[in-house]
N, C-alpha and C. Protein backbone atom coordinates (compact mmCIF):
# COMPACT_ATOMS: atom_id res chain seq x y z
N MET A 1 -5.83 -12.92 -10.11
CA MET A 1 -5.53 -11.80 -10.19
C MET A 1 -5.63 -10.67 -11.46
N SER A 2 -5.60 -9.65 -11.00
CA SER A 2 -5.91 -8.35 -12.06
C SER A 2 -4.89 -7.47 -12.05
N SER A 3 -4.56 -7.35 -13.44
CA SER A 3 -3.34 -6.43 -13.70
C SER A 3 -3.61 -5.11 -13.66
N ASP A 4 -5.10 -4.84 -13.48
CA ASP A 4 -5.66 -3.50 -13.79
C ASP A 4 -4.98 -2.61 -12.27
N PRO A 5 -4.27 -1.41 -12.17
CA PRO A 5 -4.19 -0.98 -10.77
C PRO A 5 -4.98 -0.67 -9.89
N SER A 6 -6.42 0.11 -10.63
CA SER A 6 -7.23 -0.02 -9.74
C SER A 6 -7.82 -0.87 -8.91
N ARG A 7 -7.65 -1.91 -10.04
CA ARG A 7 -8.79 -3.33 -9.69
C ARG A 7 -7.89 -4.05 -8.43
N LEU A 8 -6.96 -4.06 -8.48
CA LEU A 8 -5.75 -5.18 -7.62
C LEU A 8 -5.88 -3.94 -6.38
N GLU A 9 -5.91 -2.83 -5.94
CA GLU A 9 -5.98 -2.18 -4.89
C GLU A 9 -7.34 -2.34 -4.54
N GLU A 10 -8.35 -2.54 -4.86
CA GLU A 10 -9.38 -3.07 -4.53
C GLU A 10 -9.57 -4.39 -3.98
N GLU A 11 -9.34 -5.34 -4.39
CA GLU A 11 -9.03 -6.53 -4.29
C GLU A 11 -7.81 -6.41 -3.17
N ILE A 12 -6.89 -6.08 -2.66
CA ILE A 12 -6.33 -5.76 -1.66
C ILE A 12 -7.03 -5.24 -0.44
N GLU A 13 -7.73 -4.11 -0.79
CA GLU A 13 -8.20 -3.94 0.07
C GLU A 13 -9.86 -4.53 0.80
N ALA A 14 -10.07 -5.28 0.21
CA ALA A 14 -11.50 -5.98 0.19
C ALA A 14 -10.72 -7.67 0.92
N LEU A 15 -9.79 -7.86 0.49
CA LEU A 15 -8.68 -9.22 1.30
C LEU A 15 -8.22 -8.66 2.75
N LYS A 16 -8.08 -7.66 2.88
CA LYS A 16 -7.29 -7.14 4.32
C LYS A 16 -8.59 -7.44 5.10
N LYS A 17 -9.88 -6.43 4.27
CA LYS A 17 -11.23 -6.67 5.52
C LYS A 17 -11.20 -8.06 5.49
N HIS A 18 -11.57 -9.04 5.13
CA HIS A 18 -11.81 -10.01 4.92
C HIS A 18 -10.85 -10.90 5.82
N LEU A 19 -9.45 -10.75 5.80
CA LEU A 19 -8.21 -11.01 6.78
C LEU A 19 -9.02 -10.85 8.40
N ALA A 20 -9.10 -9.35 8.45
CA ALA A 20 -9.25 -8.87 9.20
C ALA A 20 -10.64 -9.63 10.41
N GLN A 21 -11.81 -10.07 9.63
CA GLN A 21 -12.77 -11.15 9.97
C GLN A 21 -12.40 -12.25 10.28
N VAL A 22 -11.66 -13.01 9.63
CA VAL A 22 -11.46 -14.32 10.25
C VAL A 22 -10.43 -14.33 10.91
N VAL A 23 -9.53 -13.24 11.13
CA VAL A 23 -8.79 -13.33 12.72
C VAL A 23 -9.22 -13.31 13.74
N VAL A 24 -10.52 -12.48 13.38
CA VAL A 24 -11.57 -12.53 14.69
C VAL A 24 -12.26 -13.58 14.61
N LYS A 25 -12.58 -14.16 14.28
CA LYS A 25 -13.91 -15.42 14.00
C LYS A 25 -12.40 -16.40 14.43
N HIS A 26 -10.98 -16.66 14.20
CA HIS A 26 -10.36 -17.46 14.80
C HIS A 26 -9.45 -17.14 16.23
N GLN A 27 -10.18 -15.79 16.41
CA GLN A 27 -10.08 -16.28 18.48
C GLN A 27 -8.50 -15.13 17.84
N TYR A 28 -7.81 -14.37 16.98
CA TYR A 28 -6.63 -14.17 17.07
C TYR A 28 -5.53 -14.82 16.49
N ASN A 29 -5.94 -16.51 16.37
CA ASN A 29 -4.86 -17.26 15.93
C ASN A 29 -4.41 -17.46 14.74
N PHE A 30 -2.93 -16.70 14.67
CA PHE A 30 -2.55 -16.63 13.52
C PHE A 30 -1.84 -17.48 12.52
N GLY A 31 -1.74 -18.50 13.41
CA GLY A 31 -1.18 -19.76 13.05
C GLY A 31 -2.56 -20.69 12.32
N HIS A 32 -3.88 -19.95 12.43
CA HIS A 32 -4.82 -21.28 11.99
C HIS A 32 -4.70 -21.24 9.94
N PRO A 33 -5.18 -22.19 9.85
CA PRO A 33 -5.22 -22.37 8.41
C PRO A 33 -5.65 -21.28 7.48
N ASP A 34 -6.81 -21.03 8.09
CA ASP A 34 -7.66 -20.35 7.49
C ASP A 34 -6.92 -18.94 6.89
N VAL A 35 -6.65 -18.11 8.23
CA VAL A 35 -6.13 -16.91 8.40
C VAL A 35 -4.31 -16.97 7.69
N LEU A 36 -3.55 -18.00 7.73
CA LEU A 36 -2.87 -18.18 7.10
C LEU A 36 -2.68 -18.47 5.04
N ALA A 37 -3.94 -18.72 4.79
CA ALA A 37 -4.24 -18.99 3.64
C ALA A 37 -4.52 -17.83 2.64
N ILE A 38 -5.49 -16.81 3.65
CA ILE A 38 -5.80 -15.29 3.32
C ILE A 38 -4.32 -14.73 2.99
N SER A 39 -3.75 -14.59 4.52
CA SER A 39 -2.63 -13.87 4.36
C SER A 39 -1.57 -14.07 3.36
N GLN A 40 -1.53 -15.15 2.68
CA GLN A 40 -0.35 -15.60 1.86
C GLN A 40 -0.98 -15.22 0.70
N LYS A 41 -2.39 -15.47 0.40
CA LYS A 41 -2.97 -14.63 -0.86
C LYS A 41 -3.01 -13.21 -1.16
N LEU A 42 -2.99 -12.35 -0.50
CA LEU A 42 -2.50 -10.86 0.45
C LEU A 42 -1.16 -10.43 0.18
N ASP A 43 -0.48 -11.88 0.62
CA ASP A 43 1.20 -10.62 0.31
C ASP A 43 1.23 -11.02 -1.17
N SER A 44 0.38 -12.16 -2.03
CA SER A 44 0.72 -12.16 -3.46
C SER A 44 0.33 -11.48 -4.13
N PHE A 45 -0.57 -10.20 -3.49
CA PHE A 45 -1.52 -9.17 -4.23
C PHE A 45 -0.42 -7.95 -3.98
N ILE A 46 0.11 -7.82 -2.92
CA ILE A 46 0.89 -6.97 -2.38
C ILE A 46 2.43 -6.80 -3.62
N LEU A 47 2.76 -8.01 -3.34
CA LEU A 47 3.55 -8.23 -4.58
C LEU A 47 3.14 -7.84 -5.53
N GLN A 48 2.55 -8.56 -6.03
CA GLN A 48 2.14 -7.97 -7.43
C GLN A 48 2.20 -6.13 -7.50
N GLN A 49 1.26 -5.66 -7.11
CA GLN A 49 1.21 -4.49 -6.77
C GLN A 49 2.87 -3.74 -6.39
N MET A 50 3.57 -4.12 -5.83
CA MET A 50 4.88 -3.54 -6.09
C MET A 50 5.27 -3.41 -6.91
N LYS A 51 5.35 -4.68 -7.44
CA LYS A 51 6.43 -4.97 -8.87
C LYS A 51 5.87 -4.06 -10.00
N ALA A 52 4.63 -3.50 -9.93
CA ALA A 52 3.57 -2.79 -10.87
C ALA A 52 4.73 -1.30 -10.71
N LYS A 53 5.05 -0.92 -9.87
CA LYS A 53 4.97 0.25 -9.54
C LYS A 53 6.43 0.42 -10.11
């Protein structure tokens, strides 16, 4: 994870797009392990961003 706020924002946006693609790939099964793993990583990035503000 990046400590640079602009880099962190870029990582979050990229991960959001990736998550959307994976959700579609797994037919909107939000319980699929791939979807959950990406979602949890995204959660941690967002939390890091919120703590930095």
